[in-house]
Amino acid sequence: MRSLACFSFVAVSAMICGCAMSTGSEFQQQMSAATDAQIAALAKCENQFPDPLHRPATPRVRCKSEANLSYARRIEQLTGHPESDLVGVWTSKQILLAEKFDGRELTDTLYDLEMAKAYSEFTTSLESRKNGGTIAAAAQMQAAAAAQQAQAVAGPHRCSTYMNQTTCY
């Protein structure tokens, strides 16, 4: 589950900033380099800490959290999409859960469940932020259309007559 979550973060980030990927080969190279660095950092964590349920789990989670946060900050620099704050919240929750797991406050199953919930909240927040911009743009368009309709209903504001022809505007 935890490996899937880290890989999924790369996929979610690519989805969010995918609209900007077609802007040029330099940008694509920078995105590719950031993604490659992310994958390498996560692989290093996997090699160093192969068992996700081995106590202490905190060093493994910290390693992966640092890799994810570093990647999110780089993506933010490249795209201007500010998601690193959400990644920071997600990684902090993961570290807190790992510390509780290490202190035997959480069983293996409960730890997995809570980690999955933290990831789910993270992806939901990303999607909400992404969709929020679309909803705001739609609301602005709707408001502009309503203003035009109101102006049309209110009738002309000024009329002028020239050579027996009246024009109202």
Protein backbone atom coordinates (compact mmCIF):
# COMPACT_ATOMS: atom_id res chain seq x y z
CA MET A 1 0.00 0.00 0.00
CA ARG A 2 2.67 2.50 0.96
CA SER A 3 4.71 1.89 -2.21
CA LEU A 4 1.59 2.37 -4.27
CA ALA A 5 0.84 5.65 -2.47
CA CYS A 6 4.28 7.06 -3.25
CA PHE A 7 4.07 6.01 -6.90
CA SER A 8 0.52 7.38 -7.05
CA PHE A 9 1.77 10.73 -5.79
CA VAL A 10 4.04 10.94 -8.84
CA ALA A 11 1.07 10.10 -11.07
CA VAL A 12 -1.24 12.60 -9.36
CA SER A 13 1.39 15.34 -9.64
CA ALA A 14 1.89 14.59 -13.32
CA MET A 15 -1.88 14.75 -13.83
CA ILE A 16 -2.14 18.11 -12.09
CA CYS A 17 0.64 19.76 -14.04
CA GLY A 18 0.08 17.76 -17.23
CA CYS A 19 -1.51 20.74 -18.92
CA ALA A 20 1.83 22.53 -18.86
CA MET A 21 3.84 19.57 -20.20
CA SER A 22 3.23 20.48 -23.82
CA THR A 23 4.82 23.93 -23.51
CA GLY A 24 8.32 22.96 -24.58
CA SER A 25 11.02 20.38 -24.60
CA GLU A 26 13.09 22.19 -21.93
CA PHE A 27 10.15 22.06 -19.57
CA GLN A 28 9.58 18.39 -20.40
CA GLN A 29 13.23 17.66 -19.67
CA GLN A 30 13.01 19.44 -16.33
CA MET A 31 9.81 17.57 -15.45
CA SER A 32 11.40 14.31 -16.49
CA ALA A 33 14.49 15.04 -14.41
CA ALA A 34 12.33 15.87 -11.38
CA THR A 35 10.33 12.67 -11.82
CA ASP A 36 13.48 10.59 -12.29
CA ALA A 37 14.98 12.10 -9.13
CA GLN A 38 11.75 11.34 -7.26
CA ILE A 39 11.71 7.73 -8.42
CA ALA A 40 15.41 7.30 -7.55
CA ALA A 41 14.92 8.82 -4.08
CA LEU A 42 11.95 6.55 -3.37
CA ALA A 43 13.88 3.51 -4.64
CA LYS A 44 16.75 4.42 -2.31
CA CYS A 45 14.29 4.52 0.58
CA GLU A 46 12.84 1.15 -0.46
CA ASN A 47 16.33 -0.38 -0.60
CA GLN A 48 17.37 1.11 2.71
CA PHE A 49 14.11 0.23 4.47
CA PRO A 50 12.53 -2.71 2.56
CA ASP A 51 9.94 -3.81 5.13
CA PRO A 52 7.12 -1.28 5.53
CA LEU A 53 5.93 -2.87 8.79
CA HIS A 54 9.36 -3.17 10.40
CA ARG A 55 9.77 -1.13 13.54
CA PRO A 56 11.05 1.52 13.66
CA ALA A 57 8.97 2.67 10.67
CA THR A 58 9.69 6.36 11.23
CA PRO A 59 13.07 6.44 9.41
CA ARG A 60 11.49 4.82 6.33
CA VAL A 61 8.54 7.18 6.37
CA ARG A 62 10.81 10.21 6.90
CA CYS A 63 12.97 9.13 3.96
CA LYS A 64 9.96 8.81 1.65
CA SER A 65 8.36 11.99 3.00
CA GLU A 66 11.50 14.01 2.28
CA ALA A 67 11.60 12.60 -1.26
CA ASN A 68 7.92 13.44 -1.83
CA LEU A 69 8.20 16.93 -0.40
CA SER A 70 11.34 17.66 -2.42
CA TYR A 71 9.56 16.52 -5.56
CA ALA A 72 6.47 18.61 -4.80
CA ARG A 73 8.58 21.73 -4.26
CA ARG A 74 10.38 21.16 -7.56
CA ILE A 75 7.09 20.66 -9.40
CA GLU A 76 5.82 23.86 -7.80
CA GLN A 77 8.89 25.74 -9.09
CA LEU A 78 8.40 24.36 -12.59
CA THR A 79 4.65 24.72 -12.95
CA GLY A 80 3.56 27.37 -10.47
CA HIS A 81 0.98 24.94 -9.07
CA PRO A 82 1.29 25.24 -5.28
CA GLU A 83 0.74 21.72 -4.01
CA SER A 84 3.71 21.43 -1.67
CA ASP A 85 1.59 22.62 1.25
CA LEU A 86 -0.76 19.67 0.78
CA VAL A 87 2.21 17.31 0.45
CA GLY A 88 3.60 18.79 3.66
CA VAL A 89 0.38 18.01 5.51
CA TRP A 90 0.28 14.49 4.06
CA THR A 91 3.89 13.72 4.92
CA SER A 92 3.50 15.14 8.42
CA LYS A 93 0.51 12.87 9.01
CA GLN A 94 2.54 9.91 7.77
CA ILE A 95 5.41 10.70 10.13
CA LEU A 96 3.00 11.10 13.05
CA LEU A 97 1.39 7.75 12.25
CA ALA A 98 4.80 6.07 11.97
CA GLU A 99 5.78 7.44 15.37
CA LYS A 100 2.55 6.08 16.85
CA PHE A 101 3.20 2.74 15.15
CA ASP A 102 6.74 2.65 16.55
CA GLY A 103 5.37 3.43 20.01
CA ARG A 104 2.96 0.49 19.61
CA GLU A 105 -0.06 2.78 19.77
CA LEU A 106 -1.18 1.36 16.39
CA THR A 107 -1.37 -2.25 15.25
CA ASP A 108 -0.10 -3.23 11.79
CA THR A 109 -3.64 -3.21 10.41
CA LEU A 110 -4.62 0.08 11.99
CA TYR A 111 -1.35 1.65 10.81
CA ASP A 112 -2.07 0.55 7.22
CA LEU A 113 -5.62 1.84 7.50
CA GLU A 114 -4.57 5.24 8.86
CA MET A 115 -1.84 5.59 6.22
CA ALA A 116 -4.40 4.82 3.51
CA LYS A 117 -6.79 7.40 4.99
CA ALA A 118 -4.03 10.01 5.03
CA TYR A 119 -3.28 9.33 1.37
CA SER A 120 -6.96 9.44 0.48
CA GLU A 121 -7.35 12.82 2.20
CA PHE A 122 -4.29 14.06 0.33
CA THR A 123 -5.57 13.03 -3.10
CA THR A 124 -9.03 14.39 -2.32
CA SER A 125 -7.47 17.74 -1.37
CA LEU A 126 -5.46 17.78 -4.61
CA GLU A 127 -8.55 17.05 -6.69
CA SER A 128 -10.60 19.66 -4.80
CA ARG A 129 -7.97 22.29 -5.45
CA LYS A 130 -7.72 21.33 -9.10
CA ASN A 131 -11.49 21.34 -9.56
CA GLY A 132 -11.88 24.52 -7.53
CA GLY A 133 -10.25 26.54 -10.29
CA THR A 134 -12.61 25.08 -12.87
CA ILE A 135 -15.61 25.80 -10.68
CA ALA A 136 -14.44 29.38 -10.06
CA ALA A 137 -13.98 29.98 -13.80
CA ALA A 138 -17.45 28.61 -14.49
CA ALA A 139 -18.93 30.85 -11.78
CA GLN A 140 -17.22 33.90 -13.30
CA MET A 141 -18.60 33.05 -16.74
CA GLN A 142 -22.06 32.56 -15.28
CA ALA A 143 -21.86 35.90 -13.46
CA ALA A 144 -20.78 37.67 -16.66
CA ALA A 145 -23.67 36.09 -18.59
CA ALA A 146 -26.12 37.12 -15.87
CA ALA A 147 -24.80 40.69 -15.99
CA GLN A 148 -25.29 40.79 -19.76
CA GLN A 149 -28.82 39.45 -19.40
CA ALA A 150 -29.62 42.00 -16.70
CA GLN A 151 -28.33 44.79 -18.91
CA ALA A 152 -30.43 43.55 -21.84
CA VAL A 153 -33.56 43.35 -19.68
CA ALA A 154 -32.99 46.79 -18.19
CA GLY A 155 -33.31 48.23 -21.67
CA PRO A 156 -31.35 50.95 -23.37
CA HIS A 157 -29.56 53.52 -21.29
CA ARG A 158 -29.27 56.21 -23.91
CA CYS A 159 -30.91 56.88 -27.24
CA SER A 160 -29.86 59.25 -29.96
CA THR A 161 -31.70 60.32 -33.08
CA TYR A 162 -29.97 61.17 -36.30
CA MET A 163 -31.79 61.77 -39.54
CA ASN A 164 -35.06 60.28 -38.40
CA GLN A 165 -33.34 57.14 -37.08
CA THR A 166 -33.19 56.41 -33.34
CA THR A 167 -30.43 54.24 -31.96
CA CYS A 168 -30.49 53.10 -28.35
CA TYR A 169 -27.53 51.68 -26.51
